[in-house]
All heavy atoms as atom14 arrays in JSON, in Angstrom:
{
  "sequence": "GGGLVQSGGSLRLSCAASGNIFRIDDMGWYHQAPGK",
  "atom14_mask": [
    [1, 1, 1, 1, 0, 0, 0, 0, 0, 0, 0, 0, 0, 0],
    [1, 1, 1, 1, 0, 0, 0, 0, 0, 0, 0, 0, 0, 0],
    [1, 1, 1, 1, 0, 0, 0, 0, 0, 0, 0, 0, 0, 0],
    [1, 1, 1, 1, 1, 1, 1, 1, 0, 0, 0, 0, 0, 0],
    [1, 1, 1, 1, 1, 1, 1, 0, 0, 0, 0, 0, 0, 0],
    [1, 1, 1, 1, 1, 1, 1, 1, 1, 0, 0, 0, 0, 0],
    [1, 1, 1, 1, 1, 1, 0, 0, 0, 0, 0, 0, 0, 0],
    [1, 1, 1, 1, 0, 0, 0, 0, 0, 0, 0, 0, 0, 0],
    [1, 1, 1, 1, 0, 0, 0, 0, 0, 0, 0, 0, 0, 0],
    [1, 1, 1, 1, 1, 1, 0, 0, 0, 0, 0, 0, 0, 0],
    [1, 1, 1, 1, 1, 1, 1, 1, 0, 0, 0, 0, 0, 0],
    [1, 1, 1, 1, 1, 1, 1, 1, 1, 1, 1, 0, 0, 0],
    [1, 1, 1, 1, 1, 1, 1, 1, 0, 0, 0, 0, 0, 0],
    [1, 1, 1, 1, 1, 1, 0, 0, 0, 0, 0, 0, 0, 0],
    [1, 1, 1, 1, 1, 1, 0, 0, 0, 0, 0, 0, 0, 0],
    [1, 1, 1, 1, 1, 0, 0, 0, 0, 0, 0, 0, 0, 0],
    [1, 1, 1, 1, 1, 0, 0, 0, 0, 0, 0, 0, 0, 0],
    [1, 1, 1, 1, 1, 1, 0, 0, 0, 0, 0, 0, 0, 0],
    [1, 1, 1, 1, 0, 0, 0, 0, 0, 0, 0, 0, 0, 0],
    [1, 1, 1, 1, 1, 1, 1, 1, 0, 0, 0, 0, 0, 0],
    [1, 1, 1, 1, 1, 1, 1, 1, 0, 0, 0, 0, 0, 0],
    [1, 1, 1, 1, 1, 1, 1, 1, 1, 1, 1, 0, 0, 0],
    [1, 1, 1, 1, 1, 1, 1, 1, 1, 1, 1, 0, 0, 0],
    [1, 1, 1, 1, 1, 1, 1, 1, 0, 0, 0, 0, 0, 0],
    [1, 1, 1, 1, 1, 1, 1, 1, 0, 0, 0, 0, 0, 0],
    [1, 1, 1, 1, 1, 1, 1, 1, 0, 0, 0, 0, 0, 0],
    [1, 1, 1, 1, 1, 1, 1, 1, 0, 0, 0, 0, 0, 0],
    [1, 1, 1, 1, 0, 0, 0, 0, 0, 0, 0, 0, 0, 0],
    [1, 1, 1, 1, 1, 1, 1, 1, 1, 1, 1, 1, 1, 1],
    [1, 1, 1, 1, 1, 1, 1, 1, 1, 1, 1, 1, 0, 0],
    [1, 1, 1, 1, 1, 1, 1, 1, 1, 1, 0, 0, 0, 0],
    [1, 1, 1, 1, 1, 1, 1, 1, 1, 0, 0, 0, 0, 0],
    [1, 1, 1, 1, 1, 0, 0, 0, 0, 0, 0, 0, 0, 0],
    [1, 1, 1, 1, 1, 1, 1, 0, 0, 0, 0, 0, 0, 0],
    [1, 1, 1, 1, 0, 0, 0, 0, 0, 0, 0, 0, 0, 0],
    [1, 1, 1, 1, 1, 1, 1, 1, 1, 0, 0, 0, 0, 0]
  ],
  "atom14_positions": [
    [[67.45, 168.63, 56.31], [66.73, 169.68, 55.62], [67.53, 170.49, 54.61], [66.95, 171.29, 53.88], [0.0, 0.0, 0.0], [0.0, 0.0, 0.0], [0.0, 0.0, 0.0], [0.0, 0.0, 0.0], [0.0, 0.0, 0.0], [0.0, 0.0, 0.0], [0.0, 0.0, 0.0], [0.0, 0.0, 0.0], [0.0, 0.0, 0.0], [0.0, 0.0, 0.0]],
    [[68.83, 170.3, 54.56], [69.63, 171.03, 53.59], [69.38, 170.55, 52.18], [68.75, 169.52, 51.95], [0.0, 0.0, 0.0], [0.0, 0.0, 0.0], [0.0, 0.0, 0.0], [0.0, 0.0, 0.0], [0.0, 0.0, 0.0], [0.0, 0.0, 0.0], [0.0, 0.0, 0.0], [0.0, 0.0, 0.0], [0.0, 0.0, 0.0], [0.0, 0.0, 0.0]],
    [[69.88, 171.32, 51.22], [69.7, 170.94, 49.84], [70.02, 172.07, 48.89], [70.61, 173.08, 49.27], [0.0, 0.0, 0.0], [0.0, 0.0, 0.0], [0.0, 0.0, 0.0], [0.0, 0.0, 0.0], [0.0, 0.0, 0.0], [0.0, 0.0, 0.0], [0.0, 0.0, 0.0], [0.0, 0.0, 0.0], [0.0, 0.0, 0.0], [0.0, 0.0, 0.0]],
    [[69.63, 171.87, 47.65], [69.85, 172.85, 46.58], [68.56, 173.57, 46.27], [67.52, 172.94, 46.07], [70.38, 172.14, 45.33], [70.54, 172.97, 44.07], [71.6, 174.05, 44.28], [70.9, 172.08, 42.89], [0.0, 0.0, 0.0], [0.0, 0.0, 0.0], [0.0, 0.0, 0.0], [0.0, 0.0, 0.0], [0.0, 0.0, 0.0], [0.0, 0.0, 0.0]],
    [[68.63, 174.89, 46.21], [67.44, 175.69, 45.93], [67.84, 176.92, 45.13], [68.98, 177.39, 45.23], [66.74, 176.1, 47.25], [67.62, 177.03, 48.06], [65.38, 176.73, 46.97], [0.0, 0.0, 0.0], [0.0, 0.0, 0.0], [0.0, 0.0, 0.0], [0.0, 0.0, 0.0], [0.0, 0.0, 0.0], [0.0, 0.0, 0.0], [0.0, 0.0, 0.0]],
    [[66.93, 177.42, 44.32], [67.18, 178.64, 43.55], [66.93, 179.88, 44.39], [66.23, 179.83, 45.41], [66.3, 178.67, 42.3], [66.66, 177.63, 41.26], [65.86, 177.79, 39.99], [64.66, 178.05, 40.03], [66.53, 177.62, 38.85], [0.0, 0.0, 0.0], [0.0, 0.0, 0.0], [0.0, 0.0, 0.0], [0.0, 0.0, 0.0], [0.0, 0.0, 0.0]],
    [[67.51, 180.98, 43.97], [67.3, 182.25, 44.65], [65.81, 182.54, 44.81], [65.04, 182.35, 43.88], [67.96, 183.39, 43.88], [69.36, 183.26, 43.86], [0.0, 0.0, 0.0], [0.0, 0.0, 0.0], [0.0, 0.0, 0.0], [0.0, 0.0, 0.0], [0.0, 0.0, 0.0], [0.0, 0.0, 0.0], [0.0, 0.0, 0.0], [0.0, 0.0, 0.0]],
    [[65.45, 182.97, 46.01], [64.06, 183.25, 46.31], [63.3, 182.07, 46.88], [62.17, 182.24, 47.34], [0.0, 0.0, 0.0], [0.0, 0.0, 0.0], [0.0, 0.0, 0.0], [0.0, 0.0, 0.0], [0.0, 0.0, 0.0], [0.0, 0.0, 0.0], [0.0, 0.0, 0.0], [0.0, 0.0, 0.0], [0.0, 0.0, 0.0], [0.0, 0.0, 0.0]],
    [[63.91, 180.91, 46.86], [63.27, 179.72, 47.37], [63.37, 179.59, 48.87], [63.91, 180.47, 49.55], [0.0, 0.0, 0.0], [0.0, 0.0, 0.0], [0.0, 0.0, 0.0], [0.0, 0.0, 0.0], [0.0, 0.0, 0.0], [0.0, 0.0, 0.0], [0.0, 0.0, 0.0], [0.0, 0.0, 0.0], [0.0, 0.0, 0.0], [0.0, 0.0, 0.0]],
    [[62.87, 178.48, 49.39], [62.81, 178.25, 50.82], [63.3, 176.86, 51.19], [63.21, 175.92, 50.4], [61.38, 178.42, 51.34], [60.89, 179.72, 51.12], [0.0, 0.0, 0.0], [0.0, 0.0, 0.0], [0.0, 0.0, 0.0], [0.0, 0.0, 0.0], [0.0, 0.0, 0.0], [0.0, 0.0, 0.0], [0.0, 0.0, 0.0], [0.0, 0.0, 0.0]],
    [[63.82, 176.75, 52.4], [64.2, 175.48, 52.99], [63.9, 175.54, 54.48], [63.88, 176.63, 55.07], [65.69, 175.18, 52.81], [66.2, 174.79, 51.43], [67.72, 174.74, 51.43], [65.62, 173.44, 51.01], [0.0, 0.0, 0.0], [0.0, 0.0, 0.0], [0.0, 0.0, 0.0], [0.0, 0.0, 0.0], [0.0, 0.0, 0.0], [0.0, 0.0, 0.0]],
    [[63.66, 174.38, 55.07], [63.5, 174.3, 56.51], [64.48, 173.28, 57.07], [64.45, 172.1, 56.72], [62.08, 173.91, 56.92], [61.83, 174.09, 58.42], [60.44, 173.7, 58.86], [60.3, 172.25, 59.01], [59.48, 171.68, 59.89], [58.71, 172.43, 60.69], [59.38, 170.36, 59.94], [0.0, 0.0, 0.0], [0.0, 0.0, 0.0], [0.0, 0.0, 0.0]],
    [[65.36, 173.75, 57.94], [66.32, 172.89, 58.59], [65.79, 172.43, 59.94], [65.1, 173.17, 60.63], [67.65, 173.63, 58.8], [68.3, 174.28, 57.58], [69.64, 174.88, 57.97], [68.45, 173.29, 56.44], [0.0, 0.0, 0.0], [0.0, 0.0, 0.0], [0.0, 0.0, 0.0], [0.0, 0.0, 0.0], [0.0, 0.0, 0.0], [0.0, 0.0, 0.0]],
    [[66.12, 171.2, 60.29], [65.72, 170.64, 61.57], [66.94, 170.1, 62.3], [67.88, 169.61, 61.68], [64.71, 169.5, 61.38], [63.54, 169.94, 60.74], [0.0, 0.0, 0.0], [0.0, 0.0, 0.0], [0.0, 0.0, 0.0], [0.0, 0.0, 0.0], [0.0, 0.0, 0.0], [0.0, 0.0, 0.0], [0.0, 0.0, 0.0], [0.0, 0.0, 0.0]],
    [[66.91, 170.18, 63.61], [67.99, 169.65, 64.43], [67.38, 169.07, 65.7], [66.8, 169.81, 66.5], [69.0, 170.74, 64.77], [70.33, 170.22, 65.89], [0.0, 0.0, 0.0], [0.0, 0.0, 0.0], [0.0, 0.0, 0.0], [0.0, 0.0, 0.0], [0.0, 0.0, 0.0], [0.0, 0.0, 0.0], [0.0, 0.0, 0.0], [0.0, 0.0, 0.0]],
    [[67.54, 167.78, 65.89], [66.99, 167.09, 67.05], [68.09, 166.65, 67.99], [69.06, 166.0, 67.57], [66.16, 165.89, 66.6], [0.0, 0.0, 0.0], [0.0, 0.0, 0.0], [0.0, 0.0, 0.0], [0.0, 0.0, 0.0], [0.0, 0.0, 0.0], [0.0, 0.0, 0.0], [0.0, 0.0, 0.0], [0.0, 0.0, 0.0], [0.0, 0.0, 0.0]],
    [[67.95, 166.98, 69.25], [68.9, 166.57, 70.27], [68.38, 165.37, 71.03], [67.18, 165.27, 71.32], [69.17, 167.72, 71.24], [0.0, 0.0, 0.0], [0.0, 0.0, 0.0], [0.0, 0.0, 0.0], [0.0, 0.0, 0.0], [0.0, 0.0, 0.0], [0.0, 0.0, 0.0], [0.0, 0.0, 0.0], [0.0, 0.0, 0.0], [0.0, 0.0, 0.0]],
    [[69.27, 164.44, 71.35], [68.88, 163.27, 72.1], [70.04, 162.83, 72.99], [71.18, 163.23, 72.8], [68.47, 162.12, 71.17], [69.55, 161.73, 70.34], [0.0, 0.0, 0.0], [0.0, 0.0, 0.0], [0.0, 0.0, 0.0], [0.0, 0.0, 0.0], [0.0, 0.0, 0.0], [0.0, 0.0, 0.0], [0.0, 0.0, 0.0], [0.0, 0.0, 0.0]],
    [[69.73, 161.96, 73.96], [70.73, 161.48, 74.87], [70.37, 161.79, 76.31], [69.2, 161.99, 76.63], [0.0, 0.0, 0.0], [0.0, 0.0, 0.0], [0.0, 0.0, 0.0], [0.0, 0.0, 0.0], [0.0, 0.0, 0.0], [0.0, 0.0, 0.0], [0.0, 0.0, 0.0], [0.0, 0.0, 0.0], [0.0, 0.0, 0.0], [0.0, 0.0, 0.0]],
    [[71.38, 161.79, 77.17], [71.14, 162.01, 78.6], [71.0, 163.5, 78.91], [71.8, 164.09, 79.64], [72.25, 161.36, 79.43], [73.64, 161.88, 79.09], [73.91, 162.29, 77.96], [74.53, 161.86, 80.07], [0.0, 0.0, 0.0], [0.0, 0.0, 0.0], [0.0, 0.0, 0.0], [0.0, 0.0, 0.0], [0.0, 0.0, 0.0], [0.0, 0.0, 0.0]],
    [[69.95, 164.09, 78.38], [69.7, 165.52, 78.53], [68.8, 165.77, 79.73], [67.67, 165.28, 79.78], [69.04, 166.1, 77.27], [69.94, 165.9, 76.06], [68.74, 167.59, 77.48], [69.27, 166.23, 74.74], [0.0, 0.0, 0.0], [0.0, 0.0, 0.0], [0.0, 0.0, 0.0], [0.0, 0.0, 0.0], [0.0, 0.0, 0.0], [0.0, 0.0, 0.0]],
    [[69.3, 166.52, 80.66], [68.49, 166.96, 81.78], [67.75, 168.24, 81.42], [66.56, 168.38, 81.7], [69.35, 167.18, 83.03], [68.59, 167.79, 84.18], [67.63, 167.07, 84.86], [68.84, 169.09, 84.59], [66.92, 167.62, 85.92], [68.15, 169.66, 85.65], [67.19, 168.92, 86.31], [0.0, 0.0, 0.0], [0.0, 0.0, 0.0], [0.0, 0.0, 0.0]],
    [[68.46, 169.15, 80.78], [67.86, 170.42, 80.42], [68.62, 171.04, 79.24], [69.84, 171.05, 79.22], [67.9, 171.39, 81.61], [67.19, 172.7, 81.37], [67.38, 173.66, 82.53], [68.72, 174.22, 82.57], [69.58, 174.05, 83.56], [69.24, 173.34, 84.63], [70.79, 174.6, 83.5], [0.0, 0.0, 0.0], [0.0, 0.0, 0.0], [0.0, 0.0, 0.0]],
    [[67.86, 171.56, 78.28], [68.43, 172.37, 77.21], [68.13, 173.84, 77.51], [66.99, 174.18, 77.81], [67.86, 171.98, 75.84], [68.4, 170.62, 75.41], [68.21, 173.04, 74.79], [67.86, 170.14, 74.09], [0.0, 0.0, 0.0], [0.0, 0.0, 0.0], [0.0, 0.0, 0.0], [0.0, 0.0, 0.0], [0.0, 0.0, 0.0], [0.0, 0.0, 0.0]],
    [[69.15, 174.67, 77.43], [68.98, 176.08, 77.7], [68.75, 176.89, 76.43], [67.92, 177.79, 76.41], [70.19, 176.63, 78.46], [70.32, 176.01, 79.83], [69.29, 175.89, 80.54], [71.44, 175.64, 80.22], [0.0, 0.0, 0.0], [0.0, 0.0, 0.0], [0.0, 0.0, 0.0], [0.0, 0.0, 0.0], [0.0, 0.0, 0.0], [0.0, 0.0, 0.0]],
    [[69.49, 176.58, 75.39], [69.28, 177.26, 74.13], [69.83, 176.43, 72.98], [70.69, 175.57, 73.17], [69.9, 178.67, 74.13], [71.4, 178.65, 74.31], [72.11, 178.29, 73.35], [71.87, 179.04, 75.4], [0.0, 0.0, 0.0], [0.0, 0.0, 0.0], [0.0, 0.0, 0.0], [0.0, 0.0, 0.0], [0.0, 0.0, 0.0], [0.0, 0.0, 0.0]],
    [[69.33, 176.71, 71.8], [69.8, 176.07, 70.58], [69.94, 177.15, 69.51], [69.26, 178.18, 69.57], [68.85, 174.98, 70.11], [68.64, 173.87, 71.12], [67.56, 172.51, 70.54], [68.7, 171.64, 69.44], [0.0, 0.0, 0.0], [0.0, 0.0, 0.0], [0.0, 0.0, 0.0], [0.0, 0.0, 0.0], [0.0, 0.0, 0.0], [0.0, 0.0, 0.0]],
    [[70.81, 176.91, 68.56], [71.02, 177.9, 67.53], [71.54, 177.31, 66.24], [71.88, 176.13, 66.16], [0.0, 0.0, 0.0], [0.0, 0.0, 0.0], [0.0, 0.0, 0.0], [0.0, 0.0, 0.0], [0.0, 0.0, 0.0], [0.0, 0.0, 0.0], [0.0, 0.0, 0.0], [0.0, 0.0, 0.0], [0.0, 0.0, 0.0], [0.0, 0.0, 0.0]],
    [[71.56, 178.17, 65.22], [72.07, 177.8, 63.91], [73.2, 178.74, 63.53], [73.11, 179.96, 63.72], [70.97, 177.88, 62.85], [69.93, 176.82, 63.0], [68.73, 176.91, 63.62], [70.01, 175.48, 62.49], [68.05, 175.72, 63.53], [68.81, 174.83, 62.84], [70.97, 174.78, 61.76], [68.55, 173.49, 62.5], [70.72, 173.46, 61.43], [69.52, 172.83, 61.79]],
    [[74.26, 178.15, 62.99], [75.43, 178.89, 62.54], [75.7, 178.58, 61.08], [75.48, 177.47, 60.62], [76.64, 178.53, 63.39], [76.54, 179.0, 64.83], [75.7, 178.36, 65.72], [77.28, 180.09, 65.28], [75.59, 178.79, 67.04], [77.18, 180.52, 66.59], [76.34, 179.86, 67.46], [76.24, 180.29, 68.76], [0.0, 0.0, 0.0], [0.0, 0.0, 0.0]],
    [[76.19, 179.58, 60.37], [76.47, 179.47, 58.96], [77.96, 179.63, 58.71], [78.58, 180.54, 59.25], [75.7, 180.54, 58.18], [76.05, 180.66, 56.74], [76.4, 181.86, 56.16], [76.12, 179.72, 55.75], [76.65, 181.67, 54.88], [76.49, 180.38, 54.61], [0.0, 0.0, 0.0], [0.0, 0.0, 0.0], [0.0, 0.0, 0.0], [0.0, 0.0, 0.0]],
    [[78.51, 178.74, 57.9], [79.9, 178.86, 57.49], [79.98, 178.8, 55.97], [79.79, 177.75, 55.37], [80.76, 177.76, 58.11], [82.25, 177.94, 57.85], [83.11, 177.08, 58.74], [82.66, 176.08, 59.29], [84.36, 177.47, 58.89], [0.0, 0.0, 0.0], [0.0, 0.0, 0.0], [0.0, 0.0, 0.0], [0.0, 0.0, 0.0], [0.0, 0.0, 0.0]],
    [[80.26, 179.95, 55.38], [80.44, 180.03, 53.94], [81.83, 179.53, 53.59], [82.74, 179.53, 54.43], [80.24, 181.46, 53.46], [0.0, 0.0, 0.0], [0.0, 0.0, 0.0], [0.0, 0.0, 0.0], [0.0, 0.0, 0.0], [0.0, 0.0, 0.0], [0.0, 0.0, 0.0], [0.0, 0.0, 0.0], [0.0, 0.0, 0.0], [0.0, 0.0, 0.0]],
    [[82.04, 179.09, 52.35], [83.36, 178.61, 51.95], [84.45, 179.64, 52.21], [84.35, 180.79, 51.79], [83.19, 178.35, 50.45], [81.74, 178.06, 50.28], [81.05, 178.96, 51.27], [0.0, 0.0, 0.0], [0.0, 0.0, 0.0], [0.0, 0.0, 0.0], [0.0, 0.0, 0.0], [0.0, 0.0, 0.0], [0.0, 0.0, 0.0], [0.0, 0.0, 0.0]],
    [[85.49, 179.23, 52.93], [86.6, 180.11, 53.23], [86.33, 181.17, 54.28], [87.18, 182.04, 54.49], [0.0, 0.0, 0.0], [0.0, 0.0, 0.0], [0.0, 0.0, 0.0], [0.0, 0.0, 0.0], [0.0, 0.0, 0.0], [0.0, 0.0, 0.0], [0.0, 0.0, 0.0], [0.0, 0.0, 0.0], [0.0, 0.0, 0.0], [0.0, 0.0, 0.0]],
    [[85.18, 181.1, 54.94], [84.81, 182.11, 55.93], [84.69, 181.49, 57.32], [84.65, 180.27, 57.49], [83.49, 182.77, 55.55], [83.47, 183.39, 54.16], [84.22, 184.7, 54.12], [83.44, 185.78, 54.82], [84.06, 187.12, 54.66], [0.0, 0.0, 0.0], [0.0, 0.0, 0.0], [0.0, 0.0, 0.0], [0.0, 0.0, 0.0], [0.0, 0.0, 0.0]]
  ]
}
């Protein structure tokens, strides 16, 4: 879902988990700006 967009625009990110999952407790999104 990432990409290039102009200020004021919108994007939708998706993240799918798979594998030997018994239970998921929480999921989240983290941002890392350049040099931060």
